[in-house]
Amino acid sequence: MSTATSNFSPADLQEMTNLRRDLHAHPELAFEEVRTAGIVAERLRALGIDARSGVGRTGVLATVTGARPGKTVLLRADMDALPIQEANDTPYRSQNPGKMHACGHDCHTSVLLGVAKQLARPAAIPHGAVKLCFQPAEETGGGALAMIADGVLEDPRPEAAFGLHVWQDLDLGKVGITPGPFMAAVDEFAVTVTGKGAHAAMPHFGVDPVVCLAHTVAALQSIASREVSPFKEVVVSVTQLRAGTAFNIIPESAWMNGTVRVFDEGVWAELPGRFERIVRGVAQALGCRVEIDYRRHNRPTVNDPAMAALARSVAIEVVGEKNVRDDVRTMGGEDFSAFLHEVPGCFIAIGSRNEARGLVHEHHHPRFDVDEACLGIGAEILLRTARKFLEAR
């Protein structure tokens, strides 16, 4: 990206980098983003932008209004960190033990504040309004819904919503804008199977919940292999199994935990019923009782095709057509999906990987870090996308 055509000066880019490093050194977990939200609100007010704190518990909301009436667009950045002990040795490494910005939300917050600085300048928005949404609790889910419940999508209601995520699967300078399903729904399940304990040498005197659980794990794979079209991707992963206290005792109960991921909204709607039918059917066949706790964290993140086309046209201006991809998808989840369910919009992947500098570790890794040049690219795309949406008639 040429600095000659950028809206951001070298000083602006350095300011974003400095803020990102400060936030990285002081990570806060979901709904604990007090310091982060305080910095956000303070900086917005210093720009002359009225900021409302405590939205969705620890979120911040601000609106920049143009000189004339027009459309409204929402821009969102998440603020929370992860419960991970950082393994990097950098001057800005986490100072909070067991907490780390291992997913790049420090970058997103810095980018949106950089965009806010540009929007606050005179005549930056000829008409319409931009809502700046600094969201808590994306990692655990619930932050987006909490902000929506607090009225983020009202007074005025945005006609579009855009967000971005630094992306370690893309090299610096690459951008991913995928129309349609982009990130998967995230469901979590926990199942407790109860049978009857017995001596391991005399299993006929008991009802073995371990055998039942083993059959259940295998049977659940039929959701993907036999119940859903192979053209509609589904992942069912059992990630934890617990049972027993000794090698020679059949336990009374066994427990498992895991996740289901899917892109298709229709399949997603049917998953809890399919899951329960299989789990209860296996348990009944093997004489066990079962308790199911099935939770929905995020729905699928689906980019509106028209909004994706608009964002793509902007990304081409910034990084060139050969560097913009439309096939980036992941079974990871994102609660920006809650905004996209309410209003059309697009979630953008900003390449942040730099193999030459060793910045290759994936999201949620204790050595995660990004090439900070991605901040300027992300800010430029987000700013231009908002303006282009407001200018479109």
Protein backbone atom coordinates (compact mmCIF):
# COMPACT_ATOMS: atom_id res chain seq x y z
CA MET A 1 0.00 0.00 0.00
CA SER A 2 1.43 3.35 -1.00
CA THR A 3 1.59 5.93 1.81
CA ALA A 4 1.07 8.59 -0.86
CA THR A 5 -2.51 7.42 -1.37
CA SER A 6 -3.20 6.46 2.23
CA ASN A 7 -5.49 8.40 4.56
CA PHE A 8 -3.07 7.60 7.39
CA SER A 9 0.21 9.44 7.87
CA PRO A 10 3.32 7.69 9.23
CA ALA A 11 2.54 9.37 12.57
CA ASP A 12 -0.99 7.91 12.50
CA LEU A 13 0.39 4.44 11.81
CA GLN A 14 2.92 4.75 14.61
CA GLU A 15 0.17 5.87 16.98
CA MET A 16 -1.85 2.75 16.14
CA THR A 17 1.22 0.57 16.65
CA ASN A 18 2.03 2.16 20.00
CA LEU A 19 -1.54 1.70 21.20
CA ARG A 20 -1.60 -1.90 20.02
CA ARG A 21 1.54 -2.64 22.01
CA ASP A 22 0.14 -0.97 25.12
CA LEU A 23 -3.05 -3.00 24.89
CA HIS A 24 -1.05 -6.14 24.20
CA ALA A 25 0.95 -5.60 27.37
CA HIS A 26 -2.22 -5.19 29.44
CA PRO A 27 -4.68 -7.88 28.26
CA GLU A 28 -8.08 -8.26 29.91
CA LEU A 29 -10.45 -11.21 29.67
CA ALA A 30 -14.10 -11.22 28.63
CA PHE A 31 -16.25 -8.64 30.46
CA GLU A 32 -13.16 -7.50 32.37
CA GLU A 33 -12.00 -4.97 29.76
CA VAL A 34 -12.15 -2.03 32.18
CA ARG A 35 -8.73 -0.53 31.39
CA THR A 36 -9.11 -1.13 27.66
CA ALA A 37 -12.58 0.39 27.54
CA GLY A 38 -11.36 3.34 29.58
CA ILE A 39 -8.58 4.05 27.09
CA VAL A 40 -11.02 3.75 24.19
CA ALA A 41 -13.55 6.13 25.73
CA GLU A 42 -10.85 8.62 26.73
CA ARG A 43 -9.33 8.71 23.25
CA LEU A 44 -12.72 9.08 21.57
CA ARG A 45 -13.64 11.98 23.81
CA ALA A 46 -10.28 13.61 23.15
CA LEU A 47 -11.23 13.53 19.47
CA GLY A 48 -14.49 15.30 20.25
CA ILE A 49 -16.56 12.13 19.83
CA ASP A 50 -19.16 11.48 22.50
CA ALA A 51 -18.53 7.97 23.83
CA ARG A 52 -20.97 5.88 25.84
CA SER A 53 -19.32 3.42 28.23
CA GLY A 54 -20.77 0.35 29.93
CA VAL A 55 -22.62 -0.83 26.84
CA GLY A 56 -23.05 -4.58 27.02
CA ARG A 57 -21.36 -4.40 30.44
CA THR A 58 -17.87 -3.27 29.37
CA GLY A 59 -18.32 -2.14 25.77
CA VAL A 60 -18.01 1.36 24.33
CA LEU A 61 -20.27 2.89 21.68
CA ALA A 62 -19.83 6.17 19.82
CA THR A 63 -21.47 7.74 16.79
CA VAL A 64 -19.84 10.16 14.36
CA THR A 65 -22.47 12.14 12.46
CA GLY A 66 -22.02 13.85 9.11
CA ALA A 67 -23.12 17.32 8.16
CA ARG A 68 -26.23 16.05 6.36
CA PRO A 69 -28.65 13.17 7.02
CA GLY A 70 -27.97 9.84 5.34
CA LYS A 71 -27.37 6.17 5.95
CA THR A 72 -25.73 4.68 9.04
CA VAL A 73 -22.95 2.10 9.06
CA LEU A 74 -21.58 0.22 12.07
CA LEU A 75 -17.89 -0.60 12.46
CA ARG A 76 -16.94 -3.08 15.16
CA ALA A 77 -13.76 -4.08 16.99
CA ASP A 78 -13.49 -6.61 19.82
CA MET A 79 -11.36 -5.90 22.90
CA ASP A 80 -10.96 -9.05 25.02
CA ALA A 81 -7.95 -11.33 25.45
CA LEU A 82 -7.49 -15.03 26.18
CA PRO A 83 -6.51 -17.02 29.30
CA ILE A 84 -3.10 -17.95 27.87
CA GLN A 85 0.38 -17.46 29.30
CA GLU A 86 2.38 -15.55 26.69
CA ALA A 87 5.64 -17.16 25.55
CA ASN A 88 6.94 -14.26 23.45
CA ASP A 89 9.93 -12.23 24.60
CA THR A 90 9.10 -8.77 23.29
CA PRO A 91 9.09 -5.36 25.02
CA TYR A 92 5.30 -5.38 24.80
CA ARG A 93 4.69 -8.92 26.07
CA SER A 94 1.81 -9.42 28.47
CA GLN A 95 2.32 -8.07 31.97
CA ASN A 96 -0.76 -9.89 33.24
CA PRO A 97 0.11 -13.51 34.13
CA GLY A 98 -2.08 -16.08 32.42
CA LYS A 99 -3.63 -13.53 30.07
CA MET A 100 -2.65 -12.73 26.50
CA HIS A 101 -3.88 -11.04 23.35
CA ALA A 102 -3.34 -14.24 21.41
CA CYS A 103 -6.00 -13.54 18.80
CA GLY A 104 -5.32 -9.97 17.73
CA HIS A 105 -8.12 -8.06 19.40
CA ASP A 106 -5.54 -5.49 20.50
CA CYS A 107 -4.96 -4.90 16.79
CA HIS A 108 -8.66 -4.53 16.05
CA THR A 109 -9.17 -1.99 18.82
CA SER A 110 -6.18 0.04 17.66
CA VAL A 111 -7.39 -0.03 14.06
CA LEU A 112 -10.87 1.20 14.91
CA LEU A 113 -9.49 4.01 17.06
CA GLY A 114 -7.28 4.96 14.12
CA VAL A 115 -10.35 5.04 11.90
CA ALA A 116 -12.18 7.13 14.50
CA LYS A 117 -9.40 9.73 14.37
CA GLN A 118 -9.91 10.11 10.62
CA LEU A 119 -13.70 10.28 10.93
CA ALA A 120 -13.45 13.00 13.57
CA ARG A 121 -11.75 15.39 11.17
CA PRO A 122 -13.84 18.22 9.67
CA ALA A 123 -15.96 17.16 6.68
CA ALA A 124 -14.76 13.56 7.01
CA ILE A 125 -18.36 12.38 6.68
CA PRO A 126 -20.39 14.56 4.26
CA HIS A 127 -23.63 12.80 5.12
CA GLY A 128 -24.86 9.89 7.23
CA ALA A 129 -23.34 8.47 10.39
CA VAL A 130 -20.78 5.90 11.52
CA LYS A 131 -21.33 3.91 14.70
CA LEU A 132 -18.11 2.82 16.38
CA CYS A 133 -18.67 -0.34 18.39
CA PHE A 134 -15.90 -1.52 20.73
CA GLN A 135 -17.16 -4.91 21.89
CA PRO A 136 -16.27 -7.01 24.93
CA ALA A 137 -16.29 -10.78 25.30
CA GLU A 138 -15.91 -12.14 21.80
CA GLU A 139 -13.74 -15.07 22.86
CA THR A 140 -16.28 -16.55 25.24
CA GLY A 141 -19.21 -15.30 23.23
CA GLY A 142 -21.99 -13.12 24.52
CA GLY A 143 -20.40 -9.72 23.97
CA ALA A 144 -22.14 -8.97 20.69
CA LEU A 145 -25.54 -10.03 22.00
CA ALA A 146 -24.99 -8.01 25.17
CA MET A 147 -24.30 -4.88 23.14
CA ILE A 148 -27.27 -5.52 20.87
CA ALA A 149 -29.47 -5.91 23.95
CA ASP A 150 -28.17 -2.52 25.12
CA GLY A 151 -29.38 -0.86 21.92
CA VAL A 152 -26.30 -0.78 19.69
CA LEU A 153 -28.47 -1.40 16.63
CA GLU A 154 -31.00 1.31 17.46
CA ASP A 155 -31.23 5.13 17.32
CA PRO A 156 -30.19 5.12 14.53
CA ARG A 157 -30.32 1.58 13.19
CA PRO A 158 -27.38 0.85 10.88
CA GLU A 159 -28.07 -0.31 7.35
CA ALA A 160 -24.75 -2.20 7.24
CA ALA A 161 -22.05 -3.53 9.55
CA PHE A 162 -18.36 -4.17 8.89
CA GLY A 163 -15.60 -5.67 10.97
CA LEU A 164 -12.16 -7.16 10.43
CA HIS A 165 -9.81 -9.73 11.90
CA VAL A 166 -6.05 -10.04 11.57
CA TRP A 167 -5.45 -13.37 9.85
CA GLN A 168 -2.37 -15.54 10.37
CA ASP A 169 -3.31 -17.88 7.53
CA LEU A 170 -2.76 -14.96 5.11
CA ASP A 171 0.55 -13.27 4.43
CA LEU A 172 0.91 -9.57 5.08
CA GLY A 173 -0.57 -7.66 2.15
CA LYS A 174 -3.22 -10.29 1.41
CA VAL A 175 -6.88 -9.73 2.22
CA GLY A 176 -9.70 -12.26 2.43
CA ILE A 177 -13.27 -11.22 1.61
CA THR A 178 -15.55 -14.21 1.15
CA PRO A 179 -19.19 -13.72 0.16
CA GLY A 180 -21.67 -15.96 1.95
CA PRO A 181 -20.65 -18.30 4.79
CA PHE A 182 -17.23 -17.28 6.11
CA MET A 183 -16.96 -18.66 9.65
CA ALA A 184 -18.83 -21.53 11.26
CA ALA A 185 -21.44 -21.73 13.96
CA VAL A 186 -20.03 -22.79 17.32
CA ASP A 187 -22.05 -25.23 19.42
CA GLU A 188 -20.78 -26.92 22.58
CA PHE A 189 -22.08 -30.10 24.14
CA ALA A 190 -21.56 -31.97 27.38
CA VAL A 191 -23.03 -35.43 27.92
CA THR A 192 -23.16 -37.45 31.13
CA VAL A 193 -23.95 -41.14 30.75
CA THR A 194 -25.03 -43.03 33.87
CA GLY A 195 -25.06 -46.80 34.15
CA LYS A 196 -24.37 -49.13 37.06
CA GLY A 197 -20.94 -49.65 38.56
CA ALA A 198 -19.40 -53.07 38.89
CA HIS A 199 -16.10 -54.97 39.21
CA ALA A 200 -14.22 -54.87 35.91
CA ALA A 201 -13.90 -58.67 36.05
CA MET A 202 -17.68 -59.08 36.35
CA PRO A 203 -19.18 -56.58 33.85
CA HIS A 204 -22.45 -58.55 33.60
CA PHE A 205 -23.37 -57.29 37.08
CA GLY A 206 -23.22 -53.68 35.92
CA VAL A 207 -24.25 -51.38 33.07
CA ASP A 208 -21.09 -49.95 31.54
CA PRO A 209 -21.32 -46.21 30.78
CA VAL A 210 -17.84 -46.25 29.21
CA VAL A 211 -18.96 -48.66 26.48
CA CYS A 212 -22.06 -46.54 25.99
CA LEU A 213 -19.98 -43.39 25.68
CA ALA A 214 -17.62 -45.05 23.20
CA HIS A 215 -20.54 -46.07 20.97
CA THR A 216 -21.96 -42.56 21.27
CA VAL A 217 -18.71 -40.97 20.09
CA ALA A 218 -18.69 -43.21 17.03
CA ALA A 219 -22.41 -42.77 16.32
CA LEU A 220 -22.18 -38.98 16.38
CA GLN A 221 -19.87 -39.10 13.35
CA SER A 222 -22.86 -40.28 11.30
CA ILE A 223 -24.21 -36.72 11.47
CA ALA A 224 -21.51 -35.62 9.06
CA SER A 225 -21.09 -38.87 7.13
CA ARG A 226 -24.71 -39.97 6.67
CA GLU A 227 -27.24 -37.33 7.78
CA VAL A 228 -26.05 -34.11 6.17
CA SER A 229 -25.27 -33.48 2.51
CA PRO A 230 -21.54 -33.78 1.81
CA PHE A 231 -21.81 -30.35 0.14
CA LYS A 232 -22.70 -28.81 3.54
CA GLU A 233 -19.69 -29.17 5.79
CA VAL A 234 -20.20 -30.34 9.38
CA VAL A 235 -17.61 -31.14 12.05
CA VAL A 236 -18.49 -33.05 15.23
CA SER A 237 -15.50 -33.24 17.56
CA VAL A 238 -15.47 -34.95 20.96
CA THR A 239 -12.57 -33.31 22.78
CA GLN A 240 -12.80 -34.53 26.39
CA LEU A 241 -13.68 -37.89 27.95
CA ARG A 242 -13.75 -38.60 31.68
CA ALA A 243 -14.63 -41.78 33.50
CA GLY A 244 -13.53 -44.01 36.32
CA THR A 245 -11.15 -43.98 39.26
CA ALA A 246 -9.31 -47.33 38.99
CA PHE A 247 -8.28 -49.91 36.41
CA ASN A 248 -10.48 -52.65 37.87
CA ILE A 249 -13.73 -50.75 38.46
CA ILE A 250 -16.51 -50.11 35.96
CA PRO A 251 -17.64 -46.61 36.92
CA GLU A 252 -21.15 -45.45 37.64
CA SER A 253 -20.96 -42.66 35.06
CA ALA A 254 -18.91 -41.26 32.18
CA TRP A 255 -18.74 -37.77 30.69
CA MET A 256 -17.78 -36.18 27.41
CA ASN A 257 -17.47 -32.67 26.04
CA GLY A 258 -17.00 -31.33 22.52
CA THR A 259 -18.14 -29.04 19.76
CA VAL A 260 -20.16 -29.02 16.55
CA ARG A 261 -19.29 -26.64 13.70
CA VAL A 262 -21.34 -25.89 10.58
CA PHE A 263 -21.71 -23.14 7.96
CA ASP A 264 -25.26 -23.75 6.75
CA GLU A 265 -28.02 -22.00 8.75
CA GLY A 266 -30.59 -24.70 7.92
CA VAL A 267 -28.36 -27.54 9.06
CA TRP A 268 -27.42 -25.52 12.15
CA ALA A 269 -31.09 -25.20 13.10
CA GLU A 270 -31.51 -28.99 12.99
CA LEU A 271 -28.33 -29.97 14.85
CA PRO A 272 -29.62 -30.05 18.45
CA GLY A 273 -32.43 -32.44 17.49
CA ARG A 274 -30.14 -34.72 15.51
CA PHE A 275 -27.60 -34.75 18.32
CA GLU A 276 -30.12 -35.59 21.03
CA ARG A 277 -31.78 -38.35 18.99
CA ILE A 278 -28.47 -40.17 18.49
CA VAL A 279 -27.21 -39.75 22.05
CA ARG A 280 -30.47 -40.84 23.66
CA GLY A 281 -30.91 -43.68 21.18
CA VAL A 282 -27.50 -45.19 21.95
CA ALA A 283 -28.05 -44.80 25.69
CA GLN A 284 -31.44 -46.48 25.54
CA ALA A 285 -30.09 -49.35 23.47
CA LEU A 286 -27.35 -49.99 26.03
CA GLY A 287 -29.47 -49.53 29.13
CA CYS A 288 -28.00 -46.22 30.33
CA ARG A 289 -29.47 -42.88 31.36
CA VAL A 290 -28.16 -39.72 29.78
CA GLU A 291 -28.07 -36.00 30.53
CA ILE A 292 -27.37 -33.58 27.67
CA ASP A 293 -26.23 -29.98 27.91
CA TYR A 294 -26.23 -28.53 24.38
CA ARG A 295 -25.24 -24.87 24.12
CA ARG A 296 -25.17 -22.47 21.19
CA HIS A 297 -22.29 -19.97 21.29
CA ASN A 298 -22.26 -18.35 17.84
CA ARG A 299 -24.39 -18.74 14.76
CA PRO A 300 -22.64 -18.92 11.35
CA THR A 301 -20.85 -15.75 10.23
CA VAL A 302 -22.39 -15.04 6.82
CA ASN A 303 -21.19 -12.15 4.66
CA ASP A 304 -23.84 -10.39 2.61
CA PRO A 305 -22.83 -10.74 -1.07
CA ALA A 306 -23.48 -7.08 -1.91
CA MET A 307 -21.56 -5.83 1.15
CA ALA A 308 -18.74 -8.26 0.40
CA ALA A 309 -18.57 -6.91 -3.17
CA LEU A 310 -18.34 -3.36 -1.83
CA ALA A 311 -15.57 -4.28 0.62
CA ARG A 312 -13.76 -6.22 -2.09
CA SER A 313 -13.74 -3.20 -4.41
CA VAL A 314 -12.13 -1.17 -1.60
CA ALA A 315 -9.57 -3.87 -0.81
CA ILE A 316 -8.55 -3.96 -4.48
CA GLU A 317 -7.89 -0.21 -4.29
CA VAL A 318 -5.67 -0.72 -1.24
CA VAL A 319 -3.69 -3.92 -1.96
CA GLY A 320 -4.40 -4.74 -5.60
CA GLU A 321 -6.72 -7.34 -7.12
CA LYS A 322 -4.16 -10.15 -7.12
CA ASN A 323 -3.89 -9.86 -3.33
CA VAL A 324 -7.61 -10.13 -2.58
CA ARG A 325 -9.01 -13.63 -2.09
CA ASP A 326 -12.64 -14.73 -2.00
CA ASP A 327 -12.11 -18.32 -0.80
CA VAL A 328 -11.01 -17.78 2.81
CA ARG A 329 -13.20 -19.81 5.17
CA THR A 330 -12.72 -21.41 8.56
CA MET A 331 -14.58 -23.66 10.96
CA GLY A 332 -13.58 -21.23 13.68
CA GLY A 333 -16.39 -19.09 15.06
CA GLU A 334 -16.97 -15.38 15.61
CA ASP A 335 -19.77 -13.56 17.41
CA PHE A 336 -19.77 -10.73 14.86
CA SER A 337 -22.26 -13.18 13.37
CA ALA A 338 -24.86 -11.69 15.72
CA PHE A 339 -24.54 -8.31 13.99
CA LEU A 340 -24.60 -9.87 10.52
CA HIS A 341 -27.78 -11.74 11.44
CA GLU A 342 -29.49 -8.40 12.11
CA VAL A 343 -28.06 -6.21 9.33
CA PRO A 344 -26.22 -6.95 6.08
CA GLY A 345 -22.49 -6.59 6.29
CA CYS A 346 -19.09 -8.19 5.84
CA PHE A 347 -16.29 -9.53 8.04
CA ILE A 348 -12.86 -9.01 6.48
CA ALA A 349 -9.66 -11.02 6.96
CA ILE A 350 -6.47 -8.92 6.99
CA GLY A 351 -3.26 -10.84 6.35
CA SER A 352 -0.84 -10.54 9.28
CA ARG A 353 1.65 -13.38 8.75
CA ASN A 354 5.32 -12.70 7.99
CA GLU A 355 7.35 -15.87 7.70
CA ALA A 356 10.63 -13.99 7.17
CA ARG A 357 10.25 -12.41 10.61
CA GLY A 358 9.07 -15.61 12.29
CA LEU A 359 5.55 -14.25 12.76
CA VAL A 360 3.89 -17.52 11.85
CA HIS A 361 2.17 -18.79 14.99
CA GLU A 362 -1.56 -19.30 14.75
CA HIS A 363 -4.30 -17.62 16.72
CA HIS A 364 -4.60 -18.80 20.35
CA HIS A 365 -0.96 -19.89 20.39
CA PRO A 366 1.23 -18.61 23.28
CA ARG A 367 3.68 -17.20 20.72
CA PHE A 368 1.09 -15.51 18.52
CA ASP A 369 2.18 -12.14 17.14
CA VAL A 370 1.52 -10.19 13.96
CA ASP A 371 3.34 -7.99 11.49
CA GLU A 372 2.03 -4.63 12.65
CA ALA A 373 2.03 -3.27 9.11
CA CYS A 374 -1.35 -5.01 8.89
CA LEU A 375 -2.80 -2.28 11.11
CA GLY A 376 -2.50 0.37 8.41
CA ILE A 377 -3.95 -1.94 5.76
CA GLY A 378 -6.90 -2.86 7.96
CA ALA A 379 -7.58 0.75 8.95
CA GLU A 380 -7.43 1.94 5.35
CA ILE A 381 -9.85 -0.72 4.16
CA LEU A 382 -12.28 -0.19 7.04
CA LEU A 383 -12.30 3.60 6.62
CA ARG A 384 -12.76 3.51 2.86
CA THR A 385 -15.44 0.82 3.12
CA ALA A 386 -17.48 2.92 5.54
CA ARG A 387 -17.18 6.01 3.35
CA LYS A 388 -18.01 4.13 0.17
CA PHE A 389 -21.12 2.67 1.77
CA LEU A 390 -22.30 6.08 2.94
CA GLU A 391 -21.64 7.65 -0.46
CA ALA A 392 -23.54 4.97 -2.39
CA ARG A 393 -27.06 6.01 -3.36
